All heavy atoms as atom14 arrays in JSON, in Angstrom:
{
  "sequence": "YAAMRMTCPKAKTWRTGASGGAIGASVLDRNVRGKRSVLVMATVA",
  "atom14_mask": [
    [1, 1, 1, 1, 1, 1, 1, 1, 1, 1, 1, 1, 0, 0],
    [1, 1, 1, 1, 1, 0, 0, 0, 0, 0, 0, 0, 0, 0],
    [1, 1, 1, 1, 1, 0, 0, 0, 0, 0, 0, 0, 0, 0],
    [1, 1, 1, 1, 1, 1, 1, 1, 0, 0, 0, 0, 0, 0],
    [1, 1, 1, 1, 1, 1, 1, 1, 1, 1, 1, 0, 0, 0],
    [1, 1, 1, 1, 1, 1, 1, 1, 0, 0, 0, 0, 0, 0],
    [1, 1, 1, 1, 1, 1, 1, 0, 0, 0, 0, 0, 0, 0],
    [1, 1, 1, 1, 1, 1, 0, 0, 0, 0, 0, 0, 0, 0],
    [1, 1, 1, 1, 1, 1, 1, 0, 0, 0, 0, 0, 0, 0],
    [1, 1, 1, 1, 1, 1, 1, 1, 1, 0, 0, 0, 0, 0],
    [1, 1, 1, 1, 1, 0, 0, 0, 0, 0, 0, 0, 0, 0],
    [1, 1, 1, 1, 1, 1, 1, 1, 1, 0, 0, 0, 0, 0],
    [1, 1, 1, 1, 1, 1, 1, 0, 0, 0, 0, 0, 0, 0],
    [1, 1, 1, 1, 1, 1, 1, 1, 1, 1, 1, 1, 1, 1],
    [1, 1, 1, 1, 1, 1, 1, 1, 1, 1, 1, 0, 0, 0],
    [1, 1, 1, 1, 1, 1, 1, 0, 0, 0, 0, 0, 0, 0],
    [1, 1, 1, 1, 0, 0, 0, 0, 0, 0, 0, 0, 0, 0],
    [1, 1, 1, 1, 1, 0, 0, 0, 0, 0, 0, 0, 0, 0],
    [1, 1, 1, 1, 1, 1, 0, 0, 0, 0, 0, 0, 0, 0],
    [1, 1, 1, 1, 0, 0, 0, 0, 0, 0, 0, 0, 0, 0],
    [1, 1, 1, 1, 0, 0, 0, 0, 0, 0, 0, 0, 0, 0],
    [1, 1, 1, 1, 1, 0, 0, 0, 0, 0, 0, 0, 0, 0],
    [1, 1, 1, 1, 1, 1, 1, 1, 0, 0, 0, 0, 0, 0],
    [1, 1, 1, 1, 0, 0, 0, 0, 0, 0, 0, 0, 0, 0],
    [1, 1, 1, 1, 1, 0, 0, 0, 0, 0, 0, 0, 0, 0],
    [1, 1, 1, 1, 1, 1, 0, 0, 0, 0, 0, 0, 0, 0],
    [1, 1, 1, 1, 1, 1, 1, 0, 0, 0, 0, 0, 0, 0],
    [1, 1, 1, 1, 1, 1, 1, 1, 0, 0, 0, 0, 0, 0],
    [1, 1, 1, 1, 1, 1, 1, 1, 0, 0, 0, 0, 0, 0],
    [1, 1, 1, 1, 1, 1, 1, 1, 1, 1, 1, 0, 0, 0],
    [1, 1, 1, 1, 1, 1, 1, 1, 0, 0, 0, 0, 0, 0],
    [1, 1, 1, 1, 1, 1, 1, 0, 0, 0, 0, 0, 0, 0],
    [1, 1, 1, 1, 1, 1, 1, 1, 1, 1, 1, 0, 0, 0],
    [1, 1, 1, 1, 0, 0, 0, 0, 0, 0, 0, 0, 0, 0],
    [1, 1, 1, 1, 1, 1, 1, 1, 1, 0, 0, 0, 0, 0],
    [1, 1, 1, 1, 1, 1, 1, 1, 1, 1, 1, 0, 0, 0],
    [1, 1, 1, 1, 1, 1, 0, 0, 0, 0, 0, 0, 0, 0],
    [1, 1, 1, 1, 1, 1, 1, 0, 0, 0, 0, 0, 0, 0],
    [1, 1, 1, 1, 1, 1, 1, 1, 0, 0, 0, 0, 0, 0],
    [1, 1, 1, 1, 1, 1, 1, 0, 0, 0, 0, 0, 0, 0],
    [1, 1, 1, 1, 1, 1, 1, 1, 0, 0, 0, 0, 0, 0],
    [1, 1, 1, 1, 1, 0, 0, 0, 0, 0, 0, 0, 0, 0],
    [1, 1, 1, 1, 1, 1, 1, 0, 0, 0, 0, 0, 0, 0],
    [1, 1, 1, 1, 1, 1, 1, 0, 0, 0, 0, 0, 0, 0],
    [1, 1, 1, 1, 1, 0, 0, 0, 0, 0, 0, 0, 0, 0]
  ],
  "atom14_positions": [
    [[-134.78, 4.71, 192.05], [-134.56, 5.75, 191.06], [-133.1, 6.18, 191.07], [-132.37, 5.86, 191.98], [-135.47, 6.96, 191.34], [-136.93, 6.6, 191.31], [-137.72, 6.74, 192.45], [-137.52, 6.1, 190.17], [-139.07, 6.41, 192.43], [-138.86, 5.77, 190.14], [-139.63, 5.93, 191.27], [-140.95, 5.59, 191.24], [0.0, 0.0, 0.0], [0.0, 0.0, 0.0]],
    [[-132.71, 6.95, 190.06], [-131.31, 7.38, 189.93], [-131.18, 8.86, 190.22], [-131.9, 9.68, 189.66], [-130.81, 7.1, 188.52], [0.0, 0.0, 0.0], [0.0, 0.0, 0.0], [0.0, 0.0, 0.0], [0.0, 0.0, 0.0], [0.0, 0.0, 0.0], [0.0, 0.0, 0.0], [0.0, 0.0, 0.0], [0.0, 0.0, 0.0], [0.0, 0.0, 0.0]],
    [[-130.28, 9.22, 191.11], [-129.93, 10.62, 191.34], [-128.59, 10.86, 190.66], [-127.67, 10.06, 190.79], [-129.84, 10.92, 192.84], [0.0, 0.0, 0.0], [0.0, 0.0, 0.0], [0.0, 0.0, 0.0], [0.0, 0.0, 0.0], [0.0, 0.0, 0.0], [0.0, 0.0, 0.0], [0.0, 0.0, 0.0], [0.0, 0.0, 0.0], [0.0, 0.0, 0.0]],
    [[-128.51, 11.94, 189.92], [-127.27, 12.24, 189.19], [-127.03, 13.74, 189.17], [-127.95, 14.52, 189.38], [-127.37, 11.71, 187.77], [-128.36, 12.46, 186.91], [-128.76, 11.63, 185.41], [-130.07, 10.6, 186.0], [0.0, 0.0, 0.0], [0.0, 0.0, 0.0], [0.0, 0.0, 0.0], [0.0, 0.0, 0.0], [0.0, 0.0, 0.0], [0.0, 0.0, 0.0]],
    [[-125.82, 14.1, 188.92], [-125.46, 15.5, 188.82], [-125.39, 15.85, 187.34], [-124.71, 15.2, 186.57], [-124.1, 15.73, 189.5], [-123.87, 17.2, 189.68], [-123.14, 17.57, 190.94], [-123.74, 17.35, 192.22], [-124.63, 18.14, 192.82], [-125.11, 19.18, 192.21], [-125.06, 17.88, 194.02], [0.0, 0.0, 0.0], [0.0, 0.0, 0.0], [0.0, 0.0, 0.0]],
    [[-126.13, 16.88, 186.96], [-126.08, 17.4, 185.6], [-125.19, 18.64, 185.65], [-125.54, 19.63, 186.3], [-127.47, 17.75, 185.08], [-128.41, 16.56, 184.97], [-127.86, 15.3, 183.8], [-128.17, 16.1, 182.25], [0.0, 0.0, 0.0], [0.0, 0.0, 0.0], [0.0, 0.0, 0.0], [0.0, 0.0, 0.0], [0.0, 0.0, 0.0], [0.0, 0.0, 0.0]],
    [[-124.04, 18.57, 184.99], [-123.05, 19.63, 185.06], [-122.88, 20.3, 183.71], [-122.62, 19.62, 182.71], [-121.7, 19.06, 185.54], [-121.91, 18.39, 186.79], [-120.67, 20.15, 185.71], [0.0, 0.0, 0.0], [0.0, 0.0, 0.0], [0.0, 0.0, 0.0], [0.0, 0.0, 0.0], [0.0, 0.0, 0.0], [0.0, 0.0, 0.0], [0.0, 0.0, 0.0]],
    [[-123.01, 21.61, 183.7], [-122.81, 22.38, 182.48], [-121.32, 22.57, 182.22], [-120.52, 22.51, 183.16], [-123.48, 23.75, 182.63], [-125.27, 23.68, 182.76], [0.0, 0.0, 0.0], [0.0, 0.0, 0.0], [0.0, 0.0, 0.0], [0.0, 0.0, 0.0], [0.0, 0.0, 0.0], [0.0, 0.0, 0.0], [0.0, 0.0, 0.0], [0.0, 0.0, 0.0]],
    [[-120.94, 22.83, 180.97], [-119.53, 23.11, 180.68], [-119.06, 24.37, 181.42], [-119.87, 25.18, 181.85], [-119.52, 23.34, 179.16], [-120.78, 22.73, 178.65], [-121.77, 22.83, 179.78], [0.0, 0.0, 0.0], [0.0, 0.0, 0.0], [0.0, 0.0, 0.0], [0.0, 0.0, 0.0], [0.0, 0.0, 0.0], [0.0, 0.0, 0.0], [0.0, 0.0, 0.0]],
    [[-117.75, 24.52, 181.52], [-117.19, 25.71, 182.18], [-117.74, 26.99, 181.56], [-117.96, 27.05, 180.35], [-115.66, 25.7, 182.08], [-115.03, 24.67, 182.97], [-113.53, 24.77, 182.94], [-112.96, 23.71, 183.86], [-111.52, 23.72, 183.88], [0.0, 0.0, 0.0], [0.0, 0.0, 0.0], [0.0, 0.0, 0.0], [0.0, 0.0, 0.0], [0.0, 0.0, 0.0]],
    [[-117.96, 27.97, 182.41], [-118.48, 29.29, 182.03], [-119.94, 29.25, 181.6], [-120.45, 30.24, 181.07], [-117.62, 29.93, 180.94], [0.0, 0.0, 0.0], [0.0, 0.0, 0.0], [0.0, 0.0, 0.0], [0.0, 0.0, 0.0], [0.0, 0.0, 0.0], [0.0, 0.0, 0.0], [0.0, 0.0, 0.0], [0.0, 0.0, 0.0], [0.0, 0.0, 0.0]],
    [[-120.63, 28.15, 181.81], [-122.06, 28.04, 181.5], [-122.81, 27.7, 182.79], [-122.27, 27.07, 183.69], [-122.34, 26.92, 180.48], [-121.57, 27.03, 179.19], [-122.21, 28.01, 178.27], [-121.48, 28.0, 176.93], [-121.74, 29.18, 176.15], [0.0, 0.0, 0.0], [0.0, 0.0, 0.0], [0.0, 0.0, 0.0], [0.0, 0.0, 0.0], [0.0, 0.0, 0.0]],
    [[-124.08, 28.12, 182.87], [-124.9, 27.8, 184.04], [-126.21, 27.17, 183.6], [-126.67, 27.34, 182.47], [-125.21, 29.07, 184.88], [-125.86, 30.03, 184.07], [-123.93, 29.64, 185.48], [0.0, 0.0, 0.0], [0.0, 0.0, 0.0], [0.0, 0.0, 0.0], [0.0, 0.0, 0.0], [0.0, 0.0, 0.0], [0.0, 0.0, 0.0], [0.0, 0.0, 0.0]],
    [[-126.81, 26.43, 184.53], [-128.08, 25.73, 184.31], [-129.19, 26.74, 184.03], [-129.33, 27.74, 184.72], [-128.38, 24.91, 185.57], [-129.75, 24.35, 185.65], [-130.87, 24.99, 186.06], [-130.15, 23.02, 185.35], [-131.94, 24.15, 186.03], [-131.53, 22.93, 185.6], [-129.46, 21.89, 184.89], [-132.25, 21.75, 185.41], [-130.18, 20.72, 184.71], [-131.55, 20.65, 184.96]],
    [[-129.99, 26.45, 183.01], [-131.16, 27.29, 182.71], [-132.46, 26.54, 182.98], [-133.36, 27.05, 183.6], [-131.13, 27.78, 181.26], [-129.93, 28.64, 180.94], [-129.87, 29.85, 181.85], [-128.58, 30.5, 181.72], [-128.38, 31.77, 181.92], [-129.37, 32.54, 182.28], [-127.18, 32.27, 181.8], [0.0, 0.0, 0.0], [0.0, 0.0, 0.0], [0.0, 0.0, 0.0]],
    [[-132.56, 25.31, 182.46], [-133.73, 24.46, 182.67], [-133.38, 23.04, 182.29], [-132.3, 22.77, 181.77], [-134.95, 24.98, 181.86], [-136.12, 24.25, 182.25], [-134.73, 24.83, 180.38], [0.0, 0.0, 0.0], [0.0, 0.0, 0.0], [0.0, 0.0, 0.0], [0.0, 0.0, 0.0], [0.0, 0.0, 0.0], [0.0, 0.0, 0.0], [0.0, 0.0, 0.0]],
    [[-134.29, 22.13, 182.54], [-134.06, 20.73, 182.22], [-135.28, 20.12, 181.56], [-136.37, 20.7, 181.56], [0.0, 0.0, 0.0], [0.0, 0.0, 0.0], [0.0, 0.0, 0.0], [0.0, 0.0, 0.0], [0.0, 0.0, 0.0], [0.0, 0.0, 0.0], [0.0, 0.0, 0.0], [0.0, 0.0, 0.0], [0.0, 0.0, 0.0], [0.0, 0.0, 0.0]],
    [[-135.1, 18.94, 181.0], [-136.19, 18.21, 180.35], [-135.81, 16.73, 180.33], [-134.69, 16.36, 180.71], [-136.41, 18.73, 178.94], [0.0, 0.0, 0.0], [0.0, 0.0, 0.0], [0.0, 0.0, 0.0], [0.0, 0.0, 0.0], [0.0, 0.0, 0.0], [0.0, 0.0, 0.0], [0.0, 0.0, 0.0], [0.0, 0.0, 0.0], [0.0, 0.0, 0.0]],
    [[-136.74, 15.91, 179.91], [-136.46, 14.47, 179.76], [-137.19, 13.95, 178.54], [-138.12, 14.57, 178.04], [-136.87, 13.71, 181.02], [-138.26, 13.83, 181.23], [0.0, 0.0, 0.0], [0.0, 0.0, 0.0], [0.0, 0.0, 0.0], [0.0, 0.0, 0.0], [0.0, 0.0, 0.0], [0.0, 0.0, 0.0], [0.0, 0.0, 0.0], [0.0, 0.0, 0.0]],
    [[-136.75, 12.8, 178.08], [-137.36, 12.17, 176.92], [-137.43, 10.67, 177.1], [-136.76, 10.11, 177.96], [0.0, 0.0, 0.0], [0.0, 0.0, 0.0], [0.0, 0.0, 0.0], [0.0, 0.0, 0.0], [0.0, 0.0, 0.0], [0.0, 0.0, 0.0], [0.0, 0.0, 0.0], [0.0, 0.0, 0.0], [0.0, 0.0, 0.0], [0.0, 0.0, 0.0]],
    [[-138.24, 10.02, 176.29], [-138.42, 8.58, 176.41], [-139.33, 8.26, 177.59], [-140.2, 9.05, 177.96], [0.0, 0.0, 0.0], [0.0, 0.0, 0.0], [0.0, 0.0, 0.0], [0.0, 0.0, 0.0], [0.0, 0.0, 0.0], [0.0, 0.0, 0.0], [0.0, 0.0, 0.0], [0.0, 0.0, 0.0], [0.0, 0.0, 0.0], [0.0, 0.0, 0.0]],
    [[-139.11, 7.11, 178.2], [-139.94, 6.65, 179.33], [-139.34, 7.05, 180.67], [-139.63, 6.43, 181.69], [-140.13, 5.15, 179.24], [0.0, 0.0, 0.0], [0.0, 0.0, 0.0], [0.0, 0.0, 0.0], [0.0, 0.0, 0.0], [0.0, 0.0, 0.0], [0.0, 0.0, 0.0], [0.0, 0.0, 0.0], [0.0, 0.0, 0.0], [0.0, 0.0, 0.0]],
    [[-138.47, 8.05, 180.66], [-137.82, 8.53, 181.89], [-138.31, 9.95, 182.18], [-138.34, 10.8, 181.3], [-136.28, 8.53, 181.72], [-135.76, 7.11, 181.51], [-135.59, 9.19, 182.91], [-135.93, 6.17, 182.69], [0.0, 0.0, 0.0], [0.0, 0.0, 0.0], [0.0, 0.0, 0.0], [0.0, 0.0, 0.0], [0.0, 0.0, 0.0], [0.0, 0.0, 0.0]],
    [[-138.67, 10.19, 183.43], [-139.02, 11.53, 183.89], [-137.87, 12.07, 184.73], [-137.02, 11.31, 185.18], [0.0, 0.0, 0.0], [0.0, 0.0, 0.0], [0.0, 0.0, 0.0], [0.0, 0.0, 0.0], [0.0, 0.0, 0.0], [0.0, 0.0, 0.0], [0.0, 0.0, 0.0], [0.0, 0.0, 0.0], [0.0, 0.0, 0.0], [0.0, 0.0, 0.0]],
    [[-137.84, 13.36, 184.94], [-136.76, 13.95, 185.73], [-137.31, 15.06, 186.61], [-138.24, 15.77, 186.22], [-135.67, 14.5, 184.82], [0.0, 0.0, 0.0], [0.0, 0.0, 0.0], [0.0, 0.0, 0.0], [0.0, 0.0, 0.0], [0.0, 0.0, 0.0], [0.0, 0.0, 0.0], [0.0, 0.0, 0.0], [0.0, 0.0, 0.0], [0.0, 0.0, 0.0]],
    [[-136.73, 15.19, 187.79], [-137.07, 16.29, 188.69], [-135.8, 16.81, 189.33], [-134.88, 16.05, 189.64], [-138.09, 15.85, 189.74], [-137.6, 14.75, 190.46], [0.0, 0.0, 0.0], [0.0, 0.0, 0.0], [0.0, 0.0, 0.0], [0.0, 0.0, 0.0], [0.0, 0.0, 0.0], [0.0, 0.0, 0.0], [0.0, 0.0, 0.0], [0.0, 0.0, 0.0]],
    [[-135.77, 18.12, 189.53], [-134.6, 18.78, 190.12], [-134.69, 18.65, 191.63], [-135.73, 18.92, 192.23], [-134.55, 20.26, 189.7], [-133.41, 20.98, 190.4], [-134.42, 20.38, 188.2], [0.0, 0.0, 0.0], [0.0, 0.0, 0.0], [0.0, 0.0, 0.0], [0.0, 0.0, 0.0], [0.0, 0.0, 0.0], [0.0, 0.0, 0.0], [0.0, 0.0, 0.0]],
    [[-133.6, 18.23, 192.27], [-133.57, 18.05, 193.72], [-133.0, 19.27, 194.44], [-133.27, 19.45, 195.62], [-132.76, 16.8, 194.08], [-133.34, 15.49, 193.54], [-132.41, 14.33, 193.89], [-134.73, 15.24, 194.05], [0.0, 0.0, 0.0], [0.0, 0.0, 0.0], [0.0, 0.0, 0.0], [0.0, 0.0, 0.0], [0.0, 0.0, 0.0], [0.0, 0.0, 0.0]],
    [[-132.2, 20.09, 193.75], [-131.66, 21.29, 194.38], [-132.77, 22.32, 194.57], [-133.65, 22.47, 193.73], [-130.56, 21.91, 193.5], [-129.26, 21.12, 193.56], [-129.06, 20.38, 194.53], [-128.45, 21.26, 192.63], [0.0, 0.0, 0.0], [0.0, 0.0, 0.0], [0.0, 0.0, 0.0], [0.0, 0.0, 0.0], [0.0, 0.0, 0.0], [0.0, 0.0, 0.0]],
    [[-132.72, 23.03, 195.69], [-133.75, 24.05, 195.97], [-133.57, 25.29, 195.13], [-134.52, 25.88, 194.66], [-133.73, 24.42, 197.44], [-134.28, 23.32, 198.29], [-134.38, 23.76, 199.7], [-135.0, 22.7, 200.47], [-135.34, 22.82, 201.71], [-135.13, 23.95, 202.35], [-135.9, 21.82, 202.34], [0.0, 0.0, 0.0], [0.0, 0.0, 0.0], [0.0, 0.0, 0.0]],
    [[-132.34, 25.72, 194.95], [-132.07, 26.94, 194.2], [-131.07, 26.61, 193.1], [-129.93, 26.25, 193.39], [-131.53, 28.03, 195.11], [-131.36, 29.34, 194.39], [-131.76, 29.51, 193.24], [-130.75, 30.3, 195.07], [0.0, 0.0, 0.0], [0.0, 0.0, 0.0], [0.0, 0.0, 0.0], [0.0, 0.0, 0.0], [0.0, 0.0, 0.0], [0.0, 0.0, 0.0]],
    [[-131.48, 26.75, 191.85], [-130.6, 26.4, 190.73], [-130.06, 27.63, 190.0], [-129.21, 27.51, 189.14], [-131.32, 25.48, 189.72], [-131.67, 24.17, 190.37], [-132.54, 26.14, 189.15], [0.0, 0.0, 0.0], [0.0, 0.0, 0.0], [0.0, 0.0, 0.0], [0.0, 0.0, 0.0], [0.0, 0.0, 0.0], [0.0, 0.0, 0.0], [0.0, 0.0, 0.0]],
    [[-130.55, 28.79, 190.38], [-130.14, 30.03, 189.7], [-128.63, 30.24, 189.82], [-128.08, 30.25, 190.91], [-130.86, 31.21, 190.3], [-130.44, 32.53, 189.67], [-131.4, 33.57, 190.01], [-132.54, 33.33, 189.13], [-133.31, 34.29, 188.64], [-133.08, 35.51, 188.97], [-134.29, 34.01, 187.83], [0.0, 0.0, 0.0], [0.0, 0.0, 0.0], [0.0, 0.0, 0.0]],
    [[-127.99, 30.37, 188.66], [-126.56, 30.66, 188.62], [-125.66, 29.47, 188.91], [-124.46, 29.62, 188.99], [0.0, 0.0, 0.0], [0.0, 0.0, 0.0], [0.0, 0.0, 0.0], [0.0, 0.0, 0.0], [0.0, 0.0, 0.0], [0.0, 0.0, 0.0], [0.0, 0.0, 0.0], [0.0, 0.0, 0.0], [0.0, 0.0, 0.0], [0.0, 0.0, 0.0]],
    [[-126.23, 28.26, 189.04], [-125.41, 27.08, 189.33], [-124.95, 26.41, 188.05], [-125.69, 26.34, 187.07], [-126.19, 26.07, 190.16], [-126.38, 26.49, 191.59], [-126.92, 25.35, 192.4], [-126.99, 25.71, 193.87], [-127.45, 24.6, 194.68], [0.0, 0.0, 0.0], [0.0, 0.0, 0.0], [0.0, 0.0, 0.0], [0.0, 0.0, 0.0], [0.0, 0.0, 0.0]],
    [[-123.75, 25.9, 188.09], [-123.2, 25.15, 186.97], [-123.6, 23.69, 187.05], [-123.77, 23.01, 186.05], [-121.67, 25.29, 186.99], [-121.01, 24.59, 185.86], [-119.51, 24.86, 185.82], [-118.91, 23.88, 184.93], [-117.95, 23.07, 185.26], [-117.41, 23.12, 186.45], [-117.49, 22.2, 184.39], [0.0, 0.0, 0.0], [0.0, 0.0, 0.0], [0.0, 0.0, 0.0]],
    [[-123.8, 23.19, 188.27], [-124.09, 21.78, 188.5], [-125.35, 21.66, 189.34], [-125.48, 22.3, 190.38], [-122.89, 21.15, 189.22], [-123.12, 19.81, 189.47], [0.0, 0.0, 0.0], [0.0, 0.0, 0.0], [0.0, 0.0, 0.0], [0.0, 0.0, 0.0], [0.0, 0.0, 0.0], [0.0, 0.0, 0.0], [0.0, 0.0, 0.0], [0.0, 0.0, 0.0]],
    [[-126.28, 20.8, 188.9], [-127.57, 20.64, 189.57], [-127.84, 19.15, 189.78], [-127.59, 18.33, 188.9], [-128.69, 21.28, 188.72], [-130.05, 21.01, 189.31], [-128.46, 22.77, 188.57], [0.0, 0.0, 0.0], [0.0, 0.0, 0.0], [0.0, 0.0, 0.0], [0.0, 0.0, 0.0], [0.0, 0.0, 0.0], [0.0, 0.0, 0.0], [0.0, 0.0, 0.0]],
    [[-128.37, 18.81, 190.96], [-128.71, 17.43, 191.28], [-130.11, 17.13, 190.74], [-131.06, 17.86, 191.01], [-128.66, 17.2, 192.79], [-128.83, 15.77, 193.27], [-127.73, 14.87, 192.72], [-128.82, 15.72, 194.79], [0.0, 0.0, 0.0], [0.0, 0.0, 0.0], [0.0, 0.0, 0.0], [0.0, 0.0, 0.0], [0.0, 0.0, 0.0], [0.0, 0.0, 0.0]],
    [[-130.22, 16.04, 189.96], [-131.47, 15.67, 189.3], [-131.79, 14.22, 189.63], [-130.88, 13.39, 189.72], [-131.34, 15.85, 187.77], [-132.57, 15.36, 187.04], [-131.06, 17.3, 187.43], [0.0, 0.0, 0.0], [0.0, 0.0, 0.0], [0.0, 0.0, 0.0], [0.0, 0.0, 0.0], [0.0, 0.0, 0.0], [0.0, 0.0, 0.0], [0.0, 0.0, 0.0]],
    [[-133.08, 13.9, 189.8], [-133.49, 12.52, 190.01], [-134.25, 12.04, 188.77], [-135.2, 12.68, 188.33], [-134.39, 12.38, 191.23], [-134.79, 10.94, 191.47], [-135.61, 10.63, 193.04], [-137.03, 11.67, 192.95], [0.0, 0.0, 0.0], [0.0, 0.0, 0.0], [0.0, 0.0, 0.0], [0.0, 0.0, 0.0], [0.0, 0.0, 0.0], [0.0, 0.0, 0.0]],
    [[-133.8, 10.91, 188.22], [-134.47, 10.29, 187.08], [-135.43, 9.23, 187.61], [-135.06, 8.4, 188.44], [-133.44, 9.65, 186.15], [0.0, 0.0, 0.0], [0.0, 0.0, 0.0], [0.0, 0.0, 0.0], [0.0, 0.0, 0.0], [0.0, 0.0, 0.0], [0.0, 0.0, 0.0], [0.0, 0.0, 0.0], [0.0, 0.0, 0.0], [0.0, 0.0, 0.0]],
    [[-136.67, 9.29, 187.14], [-137.7, 8.35, 187.56], [-138.32, 7.7, 186.34], [-138.06, 8.12, 185.21], [-138.81, 9.08, 188.35], [-139.41, 10.06, 187.5], [-138.26, 9.76, 189.58], [0.0, 0.0, 0.0], [0.0, 0.0, 0.0], [0.0, 0.0, 0.0], [0.0, 0.0, 0.0], [0.0, 0.0, 0.0], [0.0, 0.0, 0.0], [0.0, 0.0, 0.0]],
    [[-139.15, 6.7, 186.56], [-139.87, 6.09, 185.45], [-141.12, 6.92, 185.18], [-141.77, 7.39, 186.1], [-140.22, 4.62, 185.72], [-138.97, 3.78, 185.83], [-141.05, 4.47, 186.97], [0.0, 0.0, 0.0], [0.0, 0.0, 0.0], [0.0, 0.0, 0.0], [0.0, 0.0, 0.0], [0.0, 0.0, 0.0], [0.0, 0.0, 0.0], [0.0, 0.0, 0.0]],
    [[-141.42, 7.12, 183.92], [-142.62, 7.87, 183.54], [-143.71, 6.85, 183.25], [-143.67, 6.15, 182.25], [-142.34, 8.73, 182.31], [0.0, 0.0, 0.0], [0.0, 0.0, 0.0], [0.0, 0.0, 0.0], [0.0, 0.0, 0.0], [0.0, 0.0, 0.0], [0.0, 0.0, 0.0], [0.0, 0.0, 0.0], [0.0, 0.0, 0.0], [0.0, 0.0, 0.0]]
  ]
}
């Protein structure tokens, strides 16, 4: 699977995530509140 960093533009923070197509996604960071950059793992759906 692929682990990647999803980074919001400057002055923006992560609110939630989603996926589309045949790819699923899960957040690997324990606490995402107030973070600009979050580690996400893409898996096959």
